[in-house]
């Protein structure tokens, strides 16, 4: 099981700019509330816990390839571009 938060935007360029903001110290959750196109943005992007096979492949592969606390992106899916933060693994 893994717990992740994400920020969903329409373009790769938007996702890259968001990643720069996060790397500059802006809080992930605050950006998610303002910028994410996903309803999870209201909760700082939190998607809760999920296991393999519950998310689209590209998203899932990115989530399970990094350590807790890491941010990865942009990750392209049919929904758009994601910036993903892994918040817990068990």
PDB file of N, CA and C in Angstrom:
ATOM      1  N   UNK A   1       0.848  -1.187   0.000  1.00  0.00           N
ATOM      2  CA  UNK A   1       0.000   0.000   0.000  1.00  0.00           C
ATOM      3  C   UNK A   1       0.888   1.243   0.000  1.00  0.00           C
ATOM      4  N   UNK A   2       0.391   2.252  -0.636  1.00  0.00           N
ATOM      5  CA  UNK A   2       1.101   3.516  -0.733  1.00  0.00           C
ATOM      6  C   UNK A   2       0.109   4.654  -0.568  1.00  0.00           C
ATOM      7  N   UNK A   3       0.557   5.761  -0.007  1.00  0.00           N
ATOM      8  CA  UNK A   3      -0.292   6.944   0.101  1.00  0.00           C
ATOM      9  C   UNK A   3       0.389   8.068  -0.674  1.00  0.00           C
ATOM     10  N   UNK A   4      -0.376   8.707  -1.526  1.00  0.00           N
ATOM     11  CA  UNK A   4       0.181   9.759  -2.366  1.00  0.00           C
ATOM     12  C   UNK A   4      -0.762  10.941  -2.457  1.00  0.00           C
ATOM     13  N   UNK A   5      -0.170  12.075  -2.760  1.00  0.00           N
ATOM     14  CA  UNK A   5      -0.920  13.286  -3.090  1.00  0.00           C
ATOM     15  C   UNK A   5      -0.487  13.698  -4.486  1.00  0.00           C
ATOM     16  N   UNK A   6      -1.365  14.392  -5.192  1.00  0.00           N
ATOM     17  CA  UNK A   6      -0.962  14.825  -6.529  1.00  0.00           C
ATOM     18  C   UNK A   6      -1.580  16.171  -6.871  1.00  0.00           C
ATOM     19  N   UNK A   7      -0.974  16.777  -7.879  1.00  0.00           N
ATOM     20  CA  UNK A   7      -1.487  18.009  -8.468  1.00  0.00           C
ATOM     21  C   UNK A   7      -1.684  17.695  -9.945  1.00  0.00           C
ATOM     22  N   UNK A   8      -2.888  17.867 -10.426  1.00  0.00           N
ATOM     23  CA  UNK A   8      -3.228  17.573 -11.819  1.00  0.00           C
ATOM     24  C   UNK A   8      -3.413  18.874 -12.581  1.00  0.00           C
ATOM     25  N   UNK A   9      -2.689  18.981 -13.721  1.00  0.00           N
ATOM     26  CA  UNK A   9      -2.819  20.147 -14.598  1.00  0.00           C
ATOM     27  C   UNK A   9      -2.924  19.665 -16.043  1.00  0.00           C
ATOM     28  N   UNK A  10      -3.225  20.594 -16.950  1.00  0.00           N
ATOM     29  CA  UNK A  10      -3.459  20.223 -18.348  1.00  0.00           C
ATOM     30  C   UNK A  10      -2.189  20.016 -19.154  1.00  0.00           C
ATOM     31  N   UNK A  11      -1.138  20.805 -18.868  1.00  0.00           N
ATOM     32  CA  UNK A  11       0.044  20.761 -19.738  1.00  0.00           C
ATOM     33  C   UNK A  11       1.308  20.378 -18.989  1.00  0.00           C
ATOM     34  N   UNK A  12       2.268  19.862 -19.744  1.00  0.00           N
ATOM     35  CA  UNK A  12       3.568  19.504 -19.181  1.00  0.00           C
ATOM     36  C   UNK A  12       4.268  20.756 -18.650  1.00  0.00           C
ATOM     37  N   UNK A  13       4.127  21.852 -19.362  1.00  0.00           N
ATOM     38  CA  UNK A  13       4.763  23.104 -18.949  1.00  0.00           C
ATOM     39  C   UNK A  13       4.236  23.562 -17.584  1.00  0.00           C
ATOM     40  N   UNK A  14       2.921  23.467 -17.376  1.00  0.00           N
ATOM     41  CA  UNK A  14       2.335  23.820 -16.073  1.00  0.00           C
ATOM     42  C   UNK A  14       2.899  22.923 -14.969  1.00  0.00           C
ATOM     43  N   UNK A  15       2.990  21.625 -15.252  1.00  0.00           N
ATOM     44  CA  UNK A  15       3.509  20.677 -14.266  1.00  0.00           C
ATOM     45  C   UNK A  15       4.970  20.980 -13.938  1.00  0.00           C
ATOM     46  N   UNK A  16       5.751  21.327 -14.942  1.00  0.00           N
ATOM     47  CA  UNK A  16       7.162  21.661 -14.711  1.00  0.00           C
ATOM     48  C   UNK A  16       7.295  22.905 -13.838  1.00  0.00           C
ATOM     49  N   UNK A  17       6.461  23.902 -14.077  1.00  0.00           N
ATOM     50  CA  UNK A  17       6.490  25.128 -13.263  1.00  0.00           C
ATOM     51  C   UNK A  17       6.096  24.826 -11.817  1.00  0.00           C
ATOM     52  N   UNK A  18       5.110  23.964 -11.628  1.00  0.00           N
ATOM     53  CA  UNK A  18       4.689  23.580 -10.282  1.00  0.00           C
ATOM     54  C   UNK A  18       5.817  22.837  -9.574  1.00  0.00           C
ATOM     55  N   UNK A  19       6.483  21.951 -10.278  1.00  0.00           N
ATOM     56  CA  UNK A  19       7.602  21.218  -9.705  1.00  0.00           C
ATOM     57  C   UNK A  19       8.715  22.184  -9.272  1.00  0.00           C
ATOM     58  N   UNK A  20       8.980  23.205 -10.066  1.00  0.00           N
ATOM     59  CA  UNK A  20       9.971  24.231  -9.707  1.00  0.00           C
ATOM     60  C   UNK A  20       9.556  24.952  -8.423  1.00  0.00           C
ATOM     61  N   UNK A  21       8.286  25.278  -8.314  1.00  0.00           N
ATOM     62  CA  UNK A  21       7.783  25.959  -7.116  1.00  0.00           C
ATOM     63  C   UNK A  21       7.958  25.093  -5.873  1.00  0.00           C
ATOM     64  N   UNK A  22       7.664  23.816  -6.002  1.00  0.00           N
ATOM     65  CA  UNK A  22       7.827  22.886  -4.879  1.00  0.00           C
ATOM     66  C   UNK A  22       9.300  22.781  -4.501  1.00  0.00           C
ATOM     67  N   UNK A  23      10.163  22.642  -5.497  1.00  0.00           N
ATOM     68  CA  UNK A  23      11.595  22.529  -5.242  1.00  0.00           C
ATOM     69  C   UNK A  23      12.175  23.813  -4.645  1.00  0.00           C
ATOM     70  N   UNK A  24      11.469  24.923  -4.823  1.00  0.00           N
ATOM     71  CA  UNK A  24      11.897  26.198  -4.243  1.00  0.00           C
ATOM     72  C   UNK A  24      11.355  26.395  -2.833  1.00  0.00           C
ATOM     73  N   UNK A  25      10.573  25.433  -2.350  1.00  0.00           N
ATOM     74  CA  UNK A  25      10.109  25.478  -0.976  1.00  0.00           C
ATOM     75  C   UNK A  25       8.638  25.810  -0.766  1.00  0.00           C
ATOM     76  N   UNK A  26       7.895  26.056  -1.841  1.00  0.00           N
ATOM     77  CA  UNK A  26       6.463  26.327  -1.680  1.00  0.00           C
ATOM     78  C   UNK A  26       5.759  25.025  -1.276  1.00  0.00           C
ATOM     79  N   UNK A  27       4.872  25.074  -0.293  1.00  0.00           N
ATOM     80  CA  UNK A  27       4.224  23.842   0.186  1.00  0.00           C
ATOM     81  C   UNK A  27       3.371  23.157  -0.892  1.00  0.00           C
ATOM     82  N   UNK A  28       3.598  21.858  -1.044  1.00  0.00           N
ATOM     83  CA  UNK A  28       2.869  21.040  -2.008  1.00  0.00           C
ATOM     84  C   UNK A  28       1.365  21.194  -1.833  1.00  0.00           C
ATOM     85  N   UNK A  29       0.917  21.064  -0.586  1.00  0.00           N
ATOM     86  CA  UNK A  29      -0.520  21.079  -0.298  1.00  0.00           C
ATOM     87  C   UNK A  29      -1.168  22.406  -0.689  1.00  0.00           C
ATOM     88  N   UNK A  30      -0.472  23.508  -0.461  1.00  0.00           N
ATOM     89  CA  UNK A  30      -1.001  24.830  -0.817  1.00  0.00           C
ATOM     90  C   UNK A  30      -1.137  24.975  -2.325  1.00  0.00           C
ATOM     91  N   UNK A  31      -0.154  24.489  -3.048  1.00  0.00           N
ATOM     92  CA  UNK A  31      -0.220  24.545  -4.516  1.00  0.00           C
ATOM     93  C   UNK A  31      -1.368  23.673  -5.011  1.00  0.00           C
ATOM     94  N   UNK A  32      -1.517  22.486  -4.435  1.00  0.00           N
ATOM     95  CA  UNK A  32      -2.596  21.575  -4.843  1.00  0.00           C
ATOM     96  C   UNK A  32      -3.959  22.237  -4.660  1.00  0.00           C
ATOM     97  N   UNK A  33      -4.151  22.912  -3.537  1.00  0.00           N
ATOM     98  CA  UNK A  33      -5.442  23.574  -3.277  1.00  0.00           C
ATOM     99  C   UNK A  33      -5.750  24.637  -4.319  1.00  0.00           C
ATOM    100  N   UNK A  34      -4.734  25.339  -4.778  1.00  0.00           N
ATOM    101  CA  UNK A  34      -4.938  26.441  -5.728  1.00  0.00           C
ATOM    102  C   UNK A  34      -4.927  26.015  -7.187  1.00  0.00           C
ATOM    103  N   UNK A  35      -4.114  25.009  -7.519  1.00  0.00           N
ATOM    104  CA  UNK A  35      -3.833  24.730  -8.933  1.00  0.00           C
ATOM    105  C   UNK A  35      -4.419  23.434  -9.489  1.00  0.00           C
ATOM    106  N   UNK A  36      -4.659  22.425  -8.632  1.00  0.00           N
ATOM    107  CA  UNK A  36      -5.035  21.111  -9.139  1.00  0.00           C
ATOM    108  C   UNK A  36      -6.430  21.108  -9.748  1.00  0.00           C
ATOM    109  N   UNK A  37      -6.556  20.408 -10.859  1.00  0.00           N
ATOM    110  CA  UNK A  37      -7.843  20.232 -11.533  1.00  0.00           C
ATOM    111  C   UNK A  37      -8.639  19.069 -10.944  1.00  0.00           C
ATOM    112  N   UNK A  38      -8.007  18.288 -10.086  1.00  0.00           N
ATOM    113  CA  UNK A  38      -8.658  17.134  -9.468  1.00  0.00           C
ATOM    114  C   UNK A  38      -9.381  17.558  -8.193  1.00  0.00           C
ATOM    115  N   UNK A  39     -10.543  16.991  -7.916  1.00  0.00           N
ATOM    116  CA  UNK A  39     -11.239  17.310  -6.660  1.00  0.00           C
ATOM    117  C   UNK A  39     -10.389  17.061  -5.412  1.00  0.00           C
ATOM    118  N   UNK A  40      -9.393  16.184  -5.501  1.00  0.00           N
ATOM    119  CA  UNK A  40      -8.516  15.929  -4.354  1.00  0.00           C
ATOM    120  C   UNK A  40      -7.722  17.168  -3.959  1.00  0.00           C
ATOM    121  N   UNK A  41      -7.661  18.141  -4.840  1.00  0.00           N
ATOM    122  CA  UNK A  41      -6.956  19.389  -4.542  1.00  0.00           C
ATOM    123  C   UNK A  41      -7.488  20.066  -3.291  1.00  0.00           C
ATOM    124  N   UNK A  42      -8.772  19.915  -3.046  1.00  0.00           N
ATOM    125  CA  UNK A  42      -9.379  20.510  -1.849  1.00  0.00           C
ATOM    126  C   UNK A  42      -8.751  19.969  -0.568  1.00  0.00           C
ATOM    127  N   UNK A  43      -8.209  18.748  -0.644  1.00  0.00           N
ATOM    128  CA  UNK A  43      -7.558  18.109   0.502  1.00  0.00           C
ATOM    129  C   UNK A  43      -6.044  18.141   0.358  1.00  0.00           C
ATOM    130  N   UNK A  44      -5.534  19.137  -0.320  1.00  0.00           N
ATOM    131  CA  UNK A  44      -4.091  19.228  -0.525  1.00  0.00           C
ATOM    132  C   UNK A  44      -3.551  18.197  -1.483  1.00  0.00           C
ATOM    133  N   UNK A  45      -4.443  17.615  -2.282  1.00  0.00           N
ATOM    134  CA  UNK A  45      -4.048  16.612  -3.270  1.00  0.00           C
ATOM    135  C   UNK A  45      -4.039  15.187  -2.764  1.00  0.00           C
ATOM    136  N   UNK A  46      -4.396  14.975  -1.502  1.00  0.00           N
ATOM    137  CA  UNK A  46      -4.320  13.647  -0.884  1.00  0.00           C
ATOM    138  C   UNK A  46      -5.275  12.656  -1.544  1.00  0.00           C
ATOM    139  N   UNK A  47      -4.721  11.533  -1.993  1.00  0.00           N
ATOM    140  CA  UNK A  47      -5.513  10.473  -2.613  1.00  0.00           C
ATOM    141  C   UNK A  47      -5.757   9.308  -1.655  1.00  0.00           C
ATOM    142  N   UNK A  48      -5.181   9.372  -0.467  1.00  0.00           N
ATOM    143  CA  UNK A  48      -5.307   8.271   0.475  1.00  0.00           C
ATOM    144  C   UNK A  48      -4.418   7.105   0.081  1.00  0.00           C
ATOM    145  N   UNK A  49      -4.648   5.957   0.728  1.00  0.00           N
ATOM    146  CA  UNK A  49      -3.861   4.751   0.449  1.00  0.00           C
ATOM    147  C   UNK A  49      -4.451   3.995  -0.736  1.00  0.00           C
ATOM    148  N   UNK A  50      -3.563   3.405  -1.532  1.00  0.00           N
ATOM    149  CA  UNK A  50      -3.993   2.538  -2.626  1.00  0.00           C
ATOM    150  C   UNK A  50      -2.920   1.491  -2.868  1.00  0.00           C
ATOM    151  N   UNK A  51      -3.299   0.443  -3.546  1.00  0.00           N
ATOM    152  CA  UNK A  51      -2.387  -0.662  -3.839  1.00  0.00           C
ATOM    153  C   UNK A  51      -2.193  -0.755  -5.346  1.00  0.00           C
ATOM    154  N   UNK A  52      -1.274  -1.591  -5.745  1.00  0.00           N
ATOM    155  CA  UNK A  52      -1.045  -1.797  -7.178  1.00  0.00           C
ATOM    156  C   UNK A  52      -2.330  -2.282  -7.836  1.00  0.00           C
ATOM    157  N   UNK A  53      -2.582  -1.762  -9.022  1.00  0.00           N
ATOM    158  CA  UNK A  53      -3.767  -2.148  -9.772  1.00  0.00           C
ATOM    159  C   UNK A  53      -4.959  -1.232  -9.574  1.00  0.00           C
ATOM    160  N   UNK A  54      -4.827  -0.219  -8.726  1.00  0.00           N
ATOM    161  CA  UNK A  54      -5.953   0.674  -8.459  1.00  0.00           C
ATOM    162  C   UNK A  54      -5.883   2.003  -9.214  1.00  0.00           C
ATOM    163  N   UNK A  55      -4.705   2.340  -9.719  1.00  0.00           N
ATOM    164  CA  UNK A  55      -4.516   3.600 -10.450  1.00  0.00           C
ATOM    165  C   UNK A  55      -4.066   3.276 -11.874  1.00  0.00           C
ATOM    166  N   UNK A  56      -4.128   4.268 -12.756  1.00  0.00           N
ATOM    167  CA  UNK A  56      -3.650   4.044 -14.118  1.00  0.00           C
ATOM    168  C   UNK A  56      -2.155   3.734 -14.070  1.00  0.00           C
ATOM    169  N   UNK A  57      -1.695   2.942 -15.012  1.00  0.00           N
ATOM    170  CA  UNK A  57      -0.339   2.392 -15.001  1.00  0.00           C
ATOM    171  C   UNK A  57       0.750   3.460 -14.855  1.00  0.00           C
ATOM    172  N   UNK A  58       0.696   4.517 -15.645  1.00  0.00           N
ATOM    173  CA  UNK A  58       1.752   5.539 -15.607  1.00  0.00           C
ATOM    174  C   UNK A  58       1.843   6.180 -14.223  1.00  0.00           C
ATOM    175  N   UNK A  59       0.699   6.466 -13.641  1.00  0.00           N
ATOM    176  CA  UNK A  59       0.636   7.078 -12.312  1.00  0.00           C
ATOM    177  C   UNK A  59       1.177   6.106 -11.268  1.00  0.00           C
ATOM    178  N   UNK A  60       0.700   4.890 -11.328  1.00  0.00           N
ATOM    179  CA  UNK A  60       1.112   3.857 -10.376  1.00  0.00           C
ATOM    180  C   UNK A  60       2.614   3.579 -10.469  1.00  0.00           C
ATOM    181  N   UNK A  61       3.132   3.441 -11.683  1.00  0.00           N
ATOM    182  CA  UNK A  61       4.564   3.179 -11.865  1.00  0.00           C
ATOM    183  C   UNK A  61       5.405   4.280 -11.224  1.00  0.00           C
ATOM    184  N   UNK A  62       5.000   5.520 -11.412  1.00  0.00           N
ATOM    185  CA  UNK A  62       5.735   6.638 -10.827  1.00  0.00           C
ATOM    186  C   UNK A  62       5.685   6.584  -9.304  1.00  0.00           C
ATOM    187  N   UNK A  63       4.531   6.286  -8.751  1.00  0.00           N
ATOM    188  CA  UNK A  63       4.366   6.247  -7.295  1.00  0.00           C
ATOM    189  C   UNK A  63       5.227   5.170  -6.648  1.00  0.00           C
ATOM    190  N   UNK A  64       5.252   4.003  -7.241  1.00  0.00           N
ATOM    191  CA  UNK A  64       5.970   2.885  -6.630  1.00  0.00           C
ATOM    192  C   UNK A  64       7.464   2.897  -6.955  1.00  0.00           C
ATOM    193  N   UNK A  65       7.928   3.898  -7.710  1.00  0.00           N
ATOM    194  CA  UNK A  65       9.349   3.959  -8.079  1.00  0.00           C
ATOM    195  C   UNK A  65      10.163   4.914  -7.209  1.00  0.00           C
ATOM    196  N   UNK A  66       9.508   5.635  -6.294  1.00  0.00           N
ATOM    197  CA  UNK A  66      10.223   6.606  -5.460  1.00  0.00           C
ATOM    198  C   UNK A  66       9.982   6.336  -3.982  1.00  0.00           C
ATOM    199  N   UNK A  67      10.784   6.996  -3.144  1.00  0.00           N
ATOM    200  CA  UNK A  67      10.698   6.807  -1.700  1.00  0.00           C
ATOM    201  C   UNK A  67       9.692   7.770  -1.081  1.00  0.00           C
ATOM    202  N   UNK A  68       9.275   7.458   0.135  1.00  0.00           N
ATOM    203  CA  UNK A  68       8.384   8.323   0.894  1.00  0.00           C
ATOM    204  C   UNK A  68       9.011   9.702   1.041  1.00  0.00           C
ATOM    205  N   UNK A  69       8.199  10.724   0.799  1.00  0.00           N
ATOM    206  CA  UNK A  69       8.660  12.105   0.898  1.00  0.00           C
ATOM    207  C   UNK A  69       9.125  12.688  -0.420  1.00  0.00           C
ATOM    208  N   UNK A  70       9.380  11.857  -1.402  1.00  0.00           N
ATOM    209  CA  UNK A  70       9.858  12.346  -2.694  1.00  0.00           C
ATOM    210  C   UNK A  70       8.696  12.855  -3.553  1.00  0.00           C
ATOM    211  N   UNK A  71       9.040  13.786  -4.429  1.00  0.00           N
ATOM    212  CA  UNK A  71       8.086  14.345  -5.382  1.00  0.00           C
ATOM    213  C   UNK A  71       8.567  13.962  -6.772  1.00  0.00           C
ATOM    214  N   UNK A  72       7.645  13.497  -7.609  1.00  0.00           N
ATOM    215  CA  UNK A  72       7.989  13.060  -8.957  1.00  0.00           C
ATOM    216  C   UNK A  72       7.037  13.705  -9.965  1.00  0.00           C
ATOM    217  N   UNK A  73       7.539  13.952 -11.148  1.00  0.00           N
ATOM    218  CA  UNK A  73       6.707  14.514 -12.202  1.00  0.00           C
ATOM    219  C   UNK A  73       7.544  15.270 -13.207  1.00  0.00           C
ATOM    220  N   UNK A  74       6.915  15.715 -14.257  1.00  0.00           N
ATOM    221  CA  UNK A  74       5.528  15.470 -14.634  1.00  0.00           C
ATOM    222  C   UNK A  74       5.309  14.032 -15.102  1.00  0.00           C
ATOM    223  N   UNK A  75       4.150  13.496 -14.749  1.00  0.00           N
ATOM    224  CA  UNK A  75       3.733  12.161 -15.164  1.00  0.00           C
ATOM    225  C   UNK A  75       2.485  12.327 -16.017  1.00  0.00           C
ATOM    226  N   UNK A  76       2.570  11.887 -17.279  1.00  0.00           N
ATOM    227  CA  UNK A  76       1.453  12.051 -18.206  1.00  0.00           C
ATOM    228  C   UNK A  76       0.518  10.849 -18.134  1.00  0.00           C
ATOM    229  N   UNK A  77      -0.775  11.133 -18.021  1.00  0.00           N
ATOM    230  CA  UNK A  77      -1.817  10.110 -18.125  1.00  0.00           C
ATOM    231  C   UNK A  77      -2.909  10.668 -19.031  1.00  0.00           C
ATOM    232  N   UNK A  78      -3.957   9.905 -19.242  1.00  0.00           N
ATOM    233  CA  UNK A  78      -5.087  10.388 -20.046  1.00  0.00           C
ATOM    234  C   UNK A  78      -5.802  11.563 -19.373  1.00  0.00           C
ATOM    235  N   UNK A  79      -5.585  11.743 -18.074  1.00  0.00           N
ATOM    236  CA  UNK A  79      -6.239  12.825 -17.335  1.00  0.00           C
ATOM    237  C   UNK A  79      -5.498  14.159 -17.474  1.00  0.00           C
ATOM    238  N   UNK A  80      -4.209  14.092 -17.804  1.00  0.00           N
ATOM    239  CA  UNK A  80      -3.375  15.289 -17.893  1.00  0.00           C
ATOM    240  C   UNK A  80      -1.994  14.994 -17.342  1.00  0.00           C
ATOM    241  N   UNK A  81      -1.383  16.001 -16.736  1.00  0.00           N
ATOM    242  CA  UNK A  81      -0.041  15.866 -16.179  1.00  0.00           C
ATOM    243  C   UNK A  81      -0.103  15.984 -14.661  1.00  0.00           C
ATOM    244  N   UNK A  82       0.614  15.089 -13.999  1.00  0.00           N
ATOM    245  CA  UNK A  82       0.589  15.015 -12.544  1.00  0.00           C
ATOM    246  C   UNK A  82       1.956  15.341 -11.961  1.00  0.00           C
ATOM    247  N   UNK A  83       1.947  16.028 -10.833  1.00  0.00           N
ATOM    248  CA  UNK A  83       3.101  16.124  -9.957  1.00  0.00           C
ATOM    249  C   UNK A  83       2.669  15.364  -8.710  1.00  0.00           C
ATOM    250  N   UNK A  84       3.461  14.370  -8.312  1.00  0.00           N
ATOM    251  CA  UNK A  84       3.038  13.425  -7.277  1.00  0.00           C
ATOM    252  C   UNK A  84       4.012  13.462  -6.097  1.00  0.00           C
ATOM    253  N   UNK A  85       3.444  13.451  -4.901  1.00  0.00           N
ATOM    254  CA  UNK A  85       4.240  13.364  -3.671  1.00  0.00           C
ATOM    255  C   UNK A  85       3.844  12.099  -2.927  1.00  0.00           C
ATOM    256  N   UNK A  86       4.837  11.284  -2.602  1.00  0.00           N
ATOM    257  CA  UNK A  86       4.590  10.059  -1.844  1.00  0.00           C
ATOM    258  C   UNK A  86       4.634  10.419  -0.363  1.00  0.00           C
ATOM    259  N   UNK A  87       3.536  10.181   0.334  1.00  0.00           N
ATOM    260  CA  UNK A  87       3.448  10.595   1.732  1.00  0.00           C
ATOM    261  C   UNK A  87       3.579   9.439   2.727  1.00  0.00           C
ATOM    262  N   UNK A  88       3.379   8.187   2.263  1.00  0.00           N
ATOM    263  CA  UNK A  88       3.504   7.051   3.188  1.00  0.00           C
ATOM    264  C   UNK A  88       3.540   5.756   2.385  1.00  0.00           C
ATOM    265  N   UNK A  89       4.230   4.762   2.940  1.00  0.00           N
ATOM    266  CA  UNK A  89       4.240   3.410   2.367  1.00  0.00           C
ATOM    267  C   UNK A  89       4.160   2.434   3.525  1.00  0.00           C
ATOM    268  N   UNK A  90       3.411   1.352   3.310  1.00  0.00           N
ATOM    269  CA  UNK A  90       3.404   0.278   4.318  1.00  0.00           C
ATOM    270  C   UNK A  90       3.123  -1.061   3.678  1.00  0.00           C
TER     271      UNK A  90
END
